[in-house]
Amino acid sequence: MKFPAGRSRRRVAFDLPQAARREIKEELRQRFGARGSTSMMDILMLALAFGLFALAIGYTYACERL
């Protein structure tokens, strides 16, 4: 199999046509919902991370007092 000059075999293997990329993006949107729900999930995950971080700091202070 011949590959274009200057391109590695790996890069060519993952080089999808524009139409295939659109189909993949559309399928992912349908499968995982609209973009709005994704941003809400991001906010929830950040709040959860912040809460766990605050809990860890509180636990550290509590252990320090013992």
PDB file of N, CA and C in Angstrom:
ATOM      1  N   MET A   1       0.844  -1.162   0.000  1.00  0.00           N
ATOM      2  CA  MET A   1       0.000   0.000   0.000  1.00  0.00           C
ATOM      3  C   MET A   1       0.897   1.235   0.000  1.00  0.00           C
ATOM      4  N   LYS A   2       0.600   2.173  -0.862  1.00  0.00           N
ATOM      5  CA  LYS A   2       1.392   3.399  -0.949  1.00  0.00           C
ATOM      6  C   LYS A   2       0.723   4.505  -0.149  1.00  0.00           C
ATOM      7  N   PHE A   3       1.562   5.317   0.471  1.00  0.00           N
ATOM      8  CA  PHE A   3       1.086   6.452   1.248  1.00  0.00           C
ATOM      9  C   PHE A   3       1.626   7.730   0.645  1.00  0.00           C
ATOM     10  N   PRO A   4       0.877   8.818   0.763  1.00  0.00           N
ATOM     11  CA  PRO A   4       1.364  10.096   0.226  1.00  0.00           C
ATOM     12  C   PRO A   4       2.690  10.489   0.870  1.00  0.00           C
ATOM     13  N   ALA A   5       3.515  11.145   0.100  1.00  0.00           N
ATOM     14  CA  ALA A   5       4.825  11.556   0.594  1.00  0.00           C
ATOM     15  C   ALA A   5       4.676  12.504   1.777  1.00  0.00           C
ATOM     16  N   GLY A   6       5.482  12.288   2.790  1.00  0.00           N
ATOM     17  CA  GLY A   6       5.486  13.167   3.945  1.00  0.00           C
ATOM     18  C   GLY A   6       4.441  12.845   4.994  1.00  0.00           C
ATOM     19  N   ARG A   7       3.601  11.875   4.753  1.00  0.00           N
ATOM     20  CA  ARG A   7       2.570  11.520   5.739  1.00  0.00           C
ATOM     21  C   ARG A   7       2.871  10.129   6.274  1.00  0.00           C
ATOM     22  N   SER A   8       2.716   9.977   7.566  1.00  0.00           N
ATOM     23  CA  SER A   8       2.970   8.679   8.181  1.00  0.00           C
ATOM     24  C   SER A   8       1.762   7.766   7.988  1.00  0.00           C
ATOM     25  N   ARG A   9       1.972   6.512   8.156  1.00  0.00           N
ATOM     26  CA  ARG A   9       0.910   5.534   8.007  1.00  0.00           C
ATOM     27  C   ARG A   9      -0.190   5.770   9.046  1.00  0.00           C
ATOM     28  N   ARG A  10       0.191   6.083  10.255  1.00  0.00           N
ATOM     29  CA  ARG A  10      -0.775   6.276  11.327  1.00  0.00           C
ATOM     30  C   ARG A  10      -1.706   7.452  11.039  1.00  0.00           C
ATOM     31  N   ARG A  11      -1.169   8.537  10.572  1.00  0.00           N
ATOM     32  CA  ARG A  11      -1.975   9.722  10.311  1.00  0.00           C
ATOM     33  C   ARG A  11      -2.988   9.469   9.198  1.00  0.00           C
ATOM     34  N   VAL A  12      -2.586   8.761   8.185  1.00  0.00           N
ATOM     35  CA  VAL A  12      -3.491   8.469   7.074  1.00  0.00           C
ATOM     36  C   VAL A  12      -4.617   7.544   7.550  1.00  0.00           C
ATOM     37  N   ALA A  13      -4.311   6.628   8.463  1.00  0.00           N
ATOM     38  CA  ALA A  13      -5.309   5.675   8.941  1.00  0.00           C
ATOM     39  C   ALA A  13      -6.460   6.384   9.657  1.00  0.00           C
ATOM     40  N   PHE A  14      -6.187   7.524  10.291  1.00  0.00           N
ATOM     41  CA  PHE A  14      -7.224   8.231  11.030  1.00  0.00           C
ATOM     42  C   PHE A  14      -7.736   9.465  10.302  1.00  0.00           C
ATOM     43  N   ASP A  15      -7.352   9.658   9.075  1.00  0.00           N
ATOM     44  CA  ASP A  15      -7.776  10.820   8.306  1.00  0.00           C
ATOM     45  C   ASP A  15      -9.127  10.512   7.663  1.00  0.00           C
ATOM     46  N   LEU A  16     -10.211  10.982   8.297  1.00  0.00           N
ATOM     47  CA  LEU A  16     -11.557  10.712   7.805  1.00  0.00           C
ATOM     48  C   LEU A  16     -12.019  11.804   6.864  1.00  0.00           C
ATOM     49  N   PRO A  17     -12.825  11.455   5.880  1.00  0.00           N
ATOM     50  CA  PRO A  17     -13.413  12.484   5.021  1.00  0.00           C
ATOM     51  C   PRO A  17     -14.358  13.376   5.822  1.00  0.00           C
ATOM     52  N   GLN A  18     -14.591  14.565   5.321  1.00  0.00           N
ATOM     53  CA  GLN A  18     -15.434  15.543   6.018  1.00  0.00           C
ATOM     54  C   GLN A  18     -16.841  14.998   6.257  1.00  0.00           C
ATOM     55  N   ALA A  19     -17.409  14.291   5.306  1.00  0.00           N
ATOM     56  CA  ALA A  19     -18.764  13.754   5.453  1.00  0.00           C
ATOM     57  C   ALA A  19     -18.827  12.738   6.595  1.00  0.00           C
ATOM     58  N   ALA A  20     -17.809  11.913   6.727  1.00  0.00           N
ATOM     59  CA  ALA A  20     -17.785  10.916   7.809  1.00  0.00           C
ATOM     60  C   ALA A  20     -17.685  11.605   9.156  1.00  0.00           C
ATOM     61  N   ARG A  21     -16.916  12.677   9.238  1.00  0.00           N
ATOM     62  CA  ARG A  21     -16.811  13.426  10.492  1.00  0.00           C
ATOM     63  C   ARG A  21     -18.161  13.996  10.898  1.00  0.00           C
ATOM     64  N   ARG A  22     -18.889  14.558   9.915  1.00  0.00           N
ATOM     65  CA  ARG A  22     -20.211  15.113  10.207  1.00  0.00           C
ATOM     66  C   ARG A  22     -21.159  14.034  10.719  1.00  0.00           C
ATOM     67  N   GLU A  23     -21.121  12.864  10.098  1.00  0.00           N
ATOM     68  CA  GLU A  23     -21.986  11.768  10.528  1.00  0.00           C
ATOM     69  C   GLU A  23     -21.666  11.334  11.952  1.00  0.00           C
ATOM     70  N   ILE A  24     -20.384  11.252  12.278  1.00  0.00           N
ATOM     71  CA  ILE A  24     -19.975  10.852  13.619  1.00  0.00           C
ATOM     72  C   ILE A  24     -20.418  11.895  14.644  1.00  0.00           C
ATOM     73  N   LYS A  25     -20.225  13.178  14.325  1.00  0.00           N
ATOM     74  CA  LYS A  25     -20.638  14.240  15.246  1.00  0.00           C
ATOM     75  C   LYS A  25     -22.146  14.221  15.466  1.00  0.00           C
ATOM     76  N   GLU A  26     -22.905  14.025  14.414  1.00  0.00           N
ATOM     77  CA  GLU A  26     -24.363  13.991  14.529  1.00  0.00           C
ATOM     78  C   GLU A  26     -24.812  12.801  15.375  1.00  0.00           C
ATOM     79  N   GLU A  27     -24.191  11.662  15.167  1.00  0.00           N
ATOM     80  CA  GLU A  27     -24.544  10.484  15.962  1.00  0.00           C
ATOM     81  C   GLU A  27     -24.224  10.711  17.437  1.00  0.00           C
ATOM     82  N   LEU A  28     -23.096  11.332  17.741  1.00  0.00           N
ATOM     83  CA  LEU A  28     -22.738  11.615  19.131  1.00  0.00           C
ATOM     84  C   LEU A  28     -23.703  12.611  19.761  1.00  0.00           C
ATOM     85  N   ARG A  29     -24.137  13.621  18.994  1.00  0.00           N
ATOM     86  CA  ARG A  29     -25.116  14.576  19.512  1.00  0.00           C
ATOM     87  C   ARG A  29     -26.433  13.892  19.845  1.00  0.00           C
ATOM     88  N   GLN A  30     -26.863  13.007  18.966  1.00  0.00           N
ATOM     89  CA  GLN A  30     -28.118  12.300  19.212  1.00  0.00           C
ATOM     90  C   GLN A  30     -27.997  11.371  20.405  1.00  0.00           C
ATOM     91  N   ARG A  31     -26.853  10.740  20.538  1.00  0.00           N
ATOM     92  CA  ARG A  31     -26.669   9.772  21.610  1.00  0.00           C
ATOM     93  C   ARG A  31     -26.533  10.433  22.980  1.00  0.00           C
ATOM     94  N   PHE A  32     -25.826  11.557  23.046  1.00  0.00           N
ATOM     95  CA  PHE A  32     -25.542  12.180  24.333  1.00  0.00           C
ATOM     96  C   PHE A  32     -26.333  13.452  24.587  1.00  0.00           C
ATOM     97  N   GLY A  33     -27.242  13.811  23.732  1.00  0.00           N
ATOM     98  CA  GLY A  33     -28.117  14.954  23.958  1.00  0.00           C
ATOM     99  C   GLY A  33     -27.539  16.254  23.450  1.00  0.00           C
ATOM    100  N   ALA A  34     -28.252  17.317  23.750  1.00  0.00           N
ATOM    101  CA  ALA A  34     -27.882  18.645  23.275  1.00  0.00           C
ATOM    102  C   ALA A  34     -26.695  19.186  24.063  1.00  0.00           C
ATOM    103  N   ARG A  35     -26.141  20.263  23.570  1.00  0.00           N
ATOM    104  CA  ARG A  35     -24.980  20.863  24.222  1.00  0.00           C
ATOM    105  C   ARG A  35     -25.335  21.477  25.565  1.00  0.00           C
ATOM    106  N   GLY A  36     -26.556  21.942  25.738  1.00  0.00           N
ATOM    107  CA  GLY A  36     -26.967  22.565  26.990  1.00  0.00           C
ATOM    108  C   GLY A  36     -26.863  21.612  28.168  1.00  0.00           C
ATOM    109  N   SER A  37     -27.238  20.363  27.971  1.00  0.00           N
ATOM    110  CA  SER A  37     -27.154  19.400  29.067  1.00  0.00           C
ATOM    111  C   SER A  37     -25.707  19.088  29.406  1.00  0.00           C
ATOM    112  N   THR A  38     -24.835  19.170  28.432  1.00  0.00           N
ATOM    113  CA  THR A  38     -23.415  18.930  28.689  1.00  0.00           C
ATOM    114  C   THR A  38     -22.843  20.020  29.576  1.00  0.00           C
ATOM    115  N   SER A  39     -23.213  21.275  29.324  1.00  0.00           N
ATOM    116  CA  SER A  39     -22.695  22.352  30.154  1.00  0.00           C
ATOM    117  C   SER A  39     -23.255  22.255  31.571  1.00  0.00           C
ATOM    118  N   MET A  40     -24.485  21.792  31.720  1.00  0.00           N
ATOM    119  CA  MET A  40     -25.053  21.607  33.056  1.00  0.00           C
ATOM    120  C   MET A  40     -24.300  20.515  33.805  1.00  0.00           C
ATOM    121  N   MET A  41     -23.949  19.457  33.107  1.00  0.00           N
ATOM    122  CA  MET A  41     -23.179  18.378  33.727  1.00  0.00           C
ATOM    123  C   MET A  41     -21.800  18.886  34.149  1.00  0.00           C
ATOM    124  N   ASP A  42     -21.201  19.748  33.345  1.00  0.00           N
ATOM    125  CA  ASP A  42     -19.912  20.339  33.711  1.00  0.00           C
ATOM    126  C   ASP A  42     -20.031  21.135  35.008  1.00  0.00           C
ATOM    127  N   ILE A  43     -21.088  21.910  35.124  1.00  0.00           N
ATOM    128  CA  ILE A  43     -21.294  22.713  36.337  1.00  0.00           C
ATOM    129  C   ILE A  43     -21.487  21.802  37.550  1.00  0.00           C
ATOM    130  N   LEU A  44     -22.255  20.735  37.379  1.00  0.00           N
ATOM    131  CA  LEU A  44     -22.462  19.800  38.484  1.00  0.00           C
ATOM    132  C   LEU A  44     -21.159  19.126  38.908  1.00  0.00           C
ATOM    133  N   MET A  45     -20.345  18.743  37.952  1.00  0.00           N
ATOM    134  CA  MET A  45     -19.069  18.098  38.267  1.00  0.00           C
ATOM    135  C   MET A  45     -18.118  19.067  38.962  1.00  0.00           C
ATOM    136  N   LEU A  46     -18.102  20.312  38.532  1.00  0.00           N
ATOM    137  CA  LEU A  46     -17.260  21.302  39.203  1.00  0.00           C
ATOM    138  C   LEU A  46     -17.734  21.542  40.633  1.00  0.00           C
ATOM    139  N   ALA A  47     -19.040  21.604  40.840  1.00  0.00           N
ATOM    140  CA  ALA A  47     -19.575  21.784  42.183  1.00  0.00           C
ATOM    141  C   ALA A  47     -19.238  20.586  43.072  1.00  0.00           C
ATOM    142  N   LEU A  48     -19.338  19.396  42.522  1.00  0.00           N
ATOM    143  CA  LEU A  48     -18.991  18.194  43.269  1.00  0.00           C
ATOM    144  C   LEU A  48     -17.510  18.188  43.647  1.00  0.00           C
ATOM    145  N   ALA A  49     -16.655  18.549  42.703  1.00  0.00           N
ATOM    146  CA  ALA A  49     -15.217  18.601  42.979  1.00  0.00           C
ATOM    147  C   ALA A  49     -14.907  19.639  44.053  1.00  0.00           C
ATOM    148  N   PHE A  50     -15.536  20.797  43.961  1.00  0.00           N
ATOM    149  CA  PHE A  50     -15.321  21.845  44.966  1.00  0.00           C
ATOM    150  C   PHE A  50     -15.799  21.381  46.338  1.00  0.00           C
ATOM    151  N   GLY A  51     -16.951  20.726  46.395  1.00  0.00           N
ATOM    152  CA  GLY A  51     -17.484  20.219  47.651  1.00  0.00           C
ATOM    153  C   GLY A  51     -16.567  19.179  48.290  1.00  0.00           C
ATOM    154  N   LEU A  52     -16.044  18.259  47.477  1.00  0.00           N
ATOM    155  CA  LEU A  52     -15.125  17.255  48.005  1.00  0.00           C
ATOM    156  C   LEU A  52     -13.818  17.876  48.476  1.00  0.00           C
ATOM    157  N   PHE A  53     -13.357  18.889  47.772  1.00  0.00           N
ATOM    158  CA  PHE A  53     -12.142  19.598  48.177  1.00  0.00           C
ATOM    159  C   PHE A  53     -12.364  20.286  49.521  1.00  0.00           C
ATOM    160  N   ALA A  54     -13.503  20.952  49.684  1.00  0.00           N
ATOM    161  CA  ALA A  54     -13.822  21.613  50.952  1.00  0.00           C
ATOM    162  C   ALA A  54     -13.957  20.587  52.075  1.00  0.00           C
ATOM    163  N   LEU A  55     -14.557  19.440  51.771  1.00  0.00           N
ATOM    164  CA  LEU A  55     -14.681  18.376  52.764  1.00  0.00           C
ATOM    165  C   LEU A  55     -13.308  17.859  53.193  1.00  0.00           C
ATOM    166  N   ALA A  56     -12.392  17.723  52.251  1.00  0.00           N
ATOM    167  CA  ALA A  56     -11.041  17.257  52.570  1.00  0.00           C
ATOM    168  C   ALA A  56     -10.311  18.265  53.455  1.00  0.00           C
ATOM    169  N   ILE A  57     -10.488  19.543  53.178  1.00  0.00           N
ATOM    170  CA  ILE A  57      -9.855  20.572  54.016  1.00  0.00           C
ATOM    171  C   ILE A  57     -10.450  20.536  55.427  1.00  0.00           C
ATOM    172  N   GLY A  58     -11.763  20.413  55.548  1.00  0.00           N
ATOM    173  CA  GLY A  58     -12.412  20.309  56.851  1.00  0.00           C
ATOM    174  C   GLY A  58     -11.947  19.090  57.615  1.00  0.00           C
ATOM    175  N   TYR A  59     -11.807  17.976  56.939  1.00  0.00           N
ATOM    176  CA  TYR A  59     -11.326  16.745  57.561  1.00  0.00           C
ATOM    177  C   TYR A  59      -9.891  16.934  58.064  1.00  0.00           C
ATOM    178  N   THR A  60      -9.077  17.618  57.302  1.00  0.00           N
ATOM    179  CA  THR A  60      -7.684  17.878  57.699  1.00  0.00           C
ATOM    180  C   THR A  60      -7.645  18.731  58.961  1.00  0.00           C
ATOM    181  N   TYR A  61      -8.456  19.781  59.027  1.00  0.00           N
ATOM    182  CA  TYR A  61      -8.501  20.623  60.213  1.00  0.00           C
ATOM    183  C   TYR A  61      -9.002  19.835  61.427  1.00  0.00           C
ATOM    184  N   ALA A  62     -10.000  18.972  61.222  1.00  0.00           N
ATOM    185  CA  ALA A  62     -10.537  18.158  62.320  1.00  0.00           C
ATOM    186  C   ALA A  62      -9.479  17.192  62.846  1.00  0.00           C
ATOM    187  N   CYS A  63      -8.729  16.576  61.966  1.00  0.00           N
ATOM    188  CA  CYS A  63      -7.679  15.657  62.383  1.00  0.00           C
ATOM    189  C   CYS A  63      -6.536  16.386  63.081  1.00  0.00           C
ATOM    190  N   GLU A  64      -6.284  17.601  62.690  1.00  0.00           N
ATOM    191  CA  GLU A  64      -5.213  18.412  63.290  1.00  0.00           C
ATOM    192  C   GLU A  64      -5.539  18.736  64.750  1.00  0.00           C
ATOM    193  N   ARG A  65      -6.812  18.911  65.044  1.00  0.00           N
ATOM    194  CA  ARG A  65      -7.222  19.271  66.409  1.00  0.00           C
ATOM    195  C   ARG A  65      -7.119  18.080  67.370  1.00  0.00           C
ATOM    196  N   LEU A  66      -7.113  16.872  66.843  1.00  0.00           N
ATOM    197  CA  LEU A  66      -7.037  15.691  67.716  1.00  0.00           C
ATOM    198  C   LEU A  66      -5.696  15.554  68.311  1.00  0.00           C
TER     199      LEU A  66
END
